[in-house]
Every structure is written in structure tokens, then in C-alpha cells.
Amino acid sequence: MSGTESATKAEIKRLDDLKGADFDRAYLKWVIKEQKSGISLCENQVRVGKDADVSVFAKDILETGRKHLQKAEELSETTNSK
């Protein structure tokens, strides 16, 4: 969610060049960054958004985003300890 389309493509290319545990760690780091960005966007929409339907949608998906972030952080901890 963060950055531009070209930045996302560049990150995916970088990840494609990695293998094994290096890929796992880099992928989880990227997922965590993207989840935090998405959560921040949703929280901002809920706080200051003008369209009630969009704000309700953002509020509804916040829980899922937070769960995904939590799981990615847990996996990152175990992956980094290997």
C-alpha cells in the first residue's frame, strides 16, 4: 500500500531475487510495512473521512488488517530466530 506502483514492482523484483530464509525474512518485513501502512490509512479514514460508507468499510477491515499484522510479526520473530 505504501509507495508507488513502480516502488512496489521494484520491491517484488528484489524479493524474487532472494531464496530460502533470506526471502522469508525480507518478505515478512515487507508485509509488516505494508500492513502498518494499510492500517494507518484505514484509521485515518475512520477518523477524518467524509464519506460514511467508506469510513464504515475502513473500520470493518481494520480488525482483519491488525490480525494479519500480528501474525506477520509473530512469524517474523520466529523466522529471525532461525
N, C-alpha and C. Protein backbone atom coordinates (compact mmCIF):
# COMPACT_ATOMS: atom_id res chain seq x y z
N MET A 1 0.81 -1.20 0.00
CA MET A 1 0.00 0.00 0.00
C MET A 1 0.85 1.26 0.00
N SER A 2 2.01 1.15 0.57
CA SER A 2 2.83 2.35 0.60
C SER A 2 3.61 2.49 -0.71
N GLY A 3 4.01 3.71 -0.98
CA GLY A 3 4.82 3.93 -2.17
C GLY A 3 4.02 3.93 -3.45
N THR A 4 4.75 3.96 -4.52
CA THR A 4 4.14 3.99 -5.84
C THR A 4 4.12 2.60 -6.44
N GLU A 5 3.43 2.48 -7.54
CA GLU A 5 3.39 1.20 -8.24
C GLU A 5 4.79 0.77 -8.65
N SER A 6 5.60 1.70 -9.10
CA SER A 6 6.96 1.35 -9.51
C SER A 6 7.79 0.90 -8.31
N ALA A 7 7.58 1.51 -7.15
CA ALA A 7 8.30 1.10 -5.94
C ALA A 7 7.88 -0.32 -5.53
N THR A 8 6.60 -0.61 -5.66
CA THR A 8 6.11 -1.95 -5.33
C THR A 8 6.69 -2.98 -6.29
N LYS A 9 6.70 -2.65 -7.58
CA LYS A 9 7.29 -3.56 -8.56
C LYS A 9 8.76 -3.80 -8.29
N ALA A 10 9.47 -2.76 -7.89
CA ALA A 10 10.90 -2.90 -7.59
C ALA A 10 11.09 -3.79 -6.37
N GLU A 11 10.24 -3.65 -5.38
CA GLU A 11 10.35 -4.49 -4.18
C GLU A 11 10.05 -5.95 -4.52
N ILE A 12 9.07 -6.18 -5.34
CA ILE A 12 8.74 -7.55 -5.75
C ILE A 12 9.91 -8.15 -6.54
N LYS A 13 10.51 -7.36 -7.39
CA LYS A 13 11.69 -7.83 -8.14
C LYS A 13 12.82 -8.19 -7.18
N ARG A 14 13.04 -7.34 -6.19
CA ARG A 14 14.09 -7.60 -5.20
C ARG A 14 13.80 -8.91 -4.45
N LEU A 15 12.54 -9.10 -4.07
CA LEU A 15 12.16 -10.32 -3.36
C LEU A 15 12.35 -11.54 -4.26
N ASP A 16 12.04 -11.39 -5.54
CA ASP A 16 12.20 -12.50 -6.48
C ASP A 16 13.64 -13.00 -6.56
N ASP A 17 14.58 -12.12 -6.28
CA ASP A 17 15.99 -12.49 -6.36
C ASP A 17 16.50 -13.22 -5.11
N LEU A 18 15.68 -13.24 -4.07
CA LEU A 18 16.09 -13.87 -2.81
C LEU A 18 15.60 -15.31 -2.75
N LYS A 19 16.26 -16.09 -1.93
CA LYS A 19 15.90 -17.51 -1.78
C LYS A 19 15.90 -17.89 -0.30
N GLY A 20 15.15 -18.92 0.02
CA GLY A 20 15.18 -19.52 1.35
C GLY A 20 14.86 -18.56 2.47
N ALA A 21 15.66 -18.67 3.55
CA ALA A 21 15.42 -17.86 4.74
C ALA A 21 15.57 -16.36 4.46
N ASP A 22 16.46 -16.00 3.54
CA ASP A 22 16.61 -14.58 3.19
C ASP A 22 15.31 -14.05 2.59
N PHE A 23 14.68 -14.85 1.73
CA PHE A 23 13.39 -14.45 1.16
C PHE A 23 12.34 -14.33 2.28
N ASP A 24 12.26 -15.34 3.13
CA ASP A 24 11.26 -15.34 4.20
C ASP A 24 11.36 -14.08 5.05
N ARG A 25 12.56 -13.74 5.48
CA ARG A 25 12.75 -12.56 6.34
C ARG A 25 12.38 -11.27 5.59
N ALA A 26 12.85 -11.14 4.36
CA ALA A 26 12.57 -9.93 3.58
C ALA A 26 11.08 -9.81 3.27
N TYR A 27 10.46 -10.94 2.93
CA TYR A 27 9.03 -10.93 2.62
C TYR A 27 8.22 -10.49 3.84
N LEU A 28 8.51 -11.07 4.99
CA LEU A 28 7.76 -10.69 6.20
C LEU A 28 7.99 -9.24 6.58
N LYS A 29 9.21 -8.76 6.40
CA LYS A 29 9.49 -7.34 6.67
C LYS A 29 8.64 -6.45 5.78
N TRP A 30 8.53 -6.82 4.50
CA TRP A 30 7.72 -6.06 3.55
C TRP A 30 6.23 -6.13 3.90
N VAL A 31 5.75 -7.33 4.25
CA VAL A 31 4.34 -7.49 4.62
C VAL A 31 4.02 -6.65 5.85
N ILE A 32 4.89 -6.66 6.84
CA ILE A 32 4.66 -5.87 8.05
C ILE A 32 4.58 -4.39 7.72
N LYS A 33 5.50 -3.91 6.89
CA LYS A 33 5.48 -2.49 6.50
C LYS A 33 4.17 -2.15 5.78
N GLU A 34 3.75 -3.02 4.86
CA GLU A 34 2.54 -2.76 4.09
C GLU A 34 1.28 -2.83 4.98
N GLN A 35 1.25 -3.77 5.91
CA GLN A 35 0.10 -3.87 6.81
C GLN A 35 0.00 -2.62 7.69
N LYS A 36 1.13 -2.16 8.20
CA LYS A 36 1.12 -0.94 9.02
C LYS A 36 0.62 0.25 8.21
N SER A 37 1.05 0.33 6.97
CA SER A 37 0.60 1.42 6.11
C SER A 37 -0.91 1.35 5.88
N GLY A 38 -1.40 0.14 5.58
CA GLY A 38 -2.83 -0.04 5.36
C GLY A 38 -3.66 0.28 6.59
N ILE A 39 -3.18 -0.15 7.74
CA ILE A 39 -3.87 0.13 9.00
C ILE A 39 -3.93 1.63 9.24
N SER A 40 -2.82 2.30 9.01
CA SER A 40 -2.77 3.74 9.19
C SER A 40 -3.77 4.46 8.27
N LEU A 41 -3.83 4.03 7.02
CA LEU A 41 -4.78 4.62 6.08
C LEU A 41 -6.22 4.42 6.54
N CYS A 42 -6.52 3.21 7.00
CA CYS A 42 -7.88 2.92 7.47
C CYS A 42 -8.22 3.74 8.71
N GLU A 43 -7.28 3.82 9.64
CA GLU A 43 -7.52 4.60 10.86
C GLU A 43 -7.76 6.06 10.52
N ASN A 44 -7.00 6.58 9.57
CA ASN A 44 -7.19 7.96 9.14
C ASN A 44 -8.56 8.15 8.50
N GLN A 45 -8.97 7.22 7.67
CA GLN A 45 -10.29 7.31 7.04
C GLN A 45 -11.38 7.31 8.10
N VAL A 46 -11.27 6.44 9.08
CA VAL A 46 -12.28 6.37 10.15
C VAL A 46 -12.32 7.69 10.92
N ARG A 47 -11.14 8.27 11.16
CA ARG A 47 -11.04 9.49 11.96
C ARG A 47 -11.53 10.73 11.21
N VAL A 48 -11.14 10.88 9.95
CA VAL A 48 -11.41 12.16 9.26
C VAL A 48 -12.16 12.01 7.94
N GLY A 49 -12.50 10.79 7.57
CA GLY A 49 -13.19 10.59 6.30
C GLY A 49 -14.54 11.27 6.25
N LYS A 50 -14.91 11.72 5.08
CA LYS A 50 -16.18 12.44 4.90
C LYS A 50 -17.30 11.52 4.43
N ASP A 51 -16.96 10.45 3.74
CA ASP A 51 -17.97 9.53 3.21
C ASP A 51 -18.22 8.43 4.25
N ALA A 52 -19.42 8.42 4.80
CA ALA A 52 -19.75 7.48 5.87
C ALA A 52 -19.60 6.03 5.44
N ASP A 53 -19.99 5.71 4.22
CA ASP A 53 -19.88 4.32 3.74
C ASP A 53 -18.41 3.88 3.66
N VAL A 54 -17.56 4.77 3.19
CA VAL A 54 -16.14 4.45 3.09
C VAL A 54 -15.54 4.30 4.49
N SER A 55 -15.95 5.14 5.41
CA SER A 55 -15.45 5.05 6.79
C SER A 55 -15.90 3.75 7.46
N VAL A 56 -17.11 3.33 7.22
CA VAL A 56 -17.60 2.06 7.77
C VAL A 56 -16.79 0.91 7.18
N PHE A 57 -16.55 0.96 5.89
CA PHE A 57 -15.73 -0.06 5.24
C PHE A 57 -14.34 -0.11 5.87
N ALA A 58 -13.71 1.04 6.04
CA ALA A 58 -12.37 1.11 6.63
C ALA A 58 -12.38 0.53 8.04
N LYS A 59 -13.40 0.88 8.80
CA LYS A 59 -13.50 0.35 10.17
C LYS A 59 -13.66 -1.17 10.16
N ASP A 60 -14.45 -1.67 9.23
CA ASP A 60 -14.69 -3.11 9.14
C ASP A 60 -13.41 -3.89 8.81
N ILE A 61 -12.56 -3.35 7.96
CA ILE A 61 -11.37 -4.10 7.57
C ILE A 61 -10.18 -3.89 8.51
N LEU A 62 -10.30 -2.95 9.44
CA LEU A 62 -9.21 -2.71 10.38
C LEU A 62 -8.88 -3.96 11.20
N GLU A 63 -9.89 -4.65 11.70
CA GLU A 63 -9.64 -5.83 12.53
C GLU A 63 -8.85 -6.89 11.77
N THR A 64 -9.22 -7.11 10.52
CA THR A 64 -8.51 -8.09 9.71
C THR A 64 -7.06 -7.65 9.48
N GLY A 65 -6.86 -6.39 9.18
CA GLY A 65 -5.51 -5.87 8.98
C GLY A 65 -4.66 -6.02 10.22
N ARG A 66 -5.24 -5.74 11.37
CA ARG A 66 -4.50 -5.88 12.63
C ARG A 66 -4.15 -7.34 12.91
N LYS A 67 -5.07 -8.26 12.60
CA LYS A 67 -4.78 -9.69 12.78
C LYS A 67 -3.66 -10.14 11.85
N HIS A 68 -3.69 -9.67 10.62
CA HIS A 68 -2.64 -10.03 9.66
C HIS A 68 -1.29 -9.48 10.13
N LEU A 69 -1.29 -8.25 10.64
CA LEU A 69 -0.06 -7.65 11.14
C LEU A 69 0.48 -8.46 12.32
N GLN A 70 -0.39 -8.81 13.24
CA GLN A 70 0.03 -9.57 14.41
C GLN A 70 0.65 -10.91 13.99
N LYS A 71 0.01 -11.60 13.08
CA LYS A 71 0.52 -12.90 12.63
C LYS A 71 1.86 -12.72 11.91
N ALA A 72 1.98 -11.71 11.07
CA ALA A 72 3.23 -11.47 10.36
C ALA A 72 4.35 -11.14 11.35
N GLU A 73 4.05 -10.36 12.39
CA GLU A 73 5.07 -10.03 13.39
C GLU A 73 5.49 -11.28 14.17
N GLU A 74 4.52 -12.14 14.50
CA GLU A 74 4.84 -13.39 15.20
C GLU A 74 5.74 -14.27 14.32
N LEU A 75 5.37 -14.41 13.06
CA LEU A 75 6.17 -15.20 12.14
C LEU A 75 7.57 -14.60 11.97
N SER A 76 7.64 -13.30 11.93
CA SER A 76 8.92 -12.62 11.78
C SER A 76 9.84 -12.93 12.96
N GLU A 77 9.29 -12.94 14.15
CA GLU A 77 10.07 -13.24 15.35
C GLU A 77 10.65 -14.66 15.27
N THR A 78 9.82 -15.61 14.87
CA THR A 78 10.31 -17.00 14.81
C THR A 78 11.25 -17.19 13.62
N THR A 79 11.00 -16.52 12.51
CA THR A 79 11.85 -16.63 11.33
C THR A 79 13.22 -16.02 11.59
N ASN A 80 13.23 -14.90 12.30
CA ASN A 80 14.50 -14.23 12.59
C ASN A 80 15.34 -14.99 13.61
N SER A 81 14.70 -15.85 14.39
CA SER A 81 15.44 -16.60 15.40
C SER A 81 16.02 -17.90 14.85
N LYS A 82 15.70 -18.23 13.60
CA LYS A 82 16.22 -19.47 12.99
C LYS A 82 17.55 -19.26 12.33
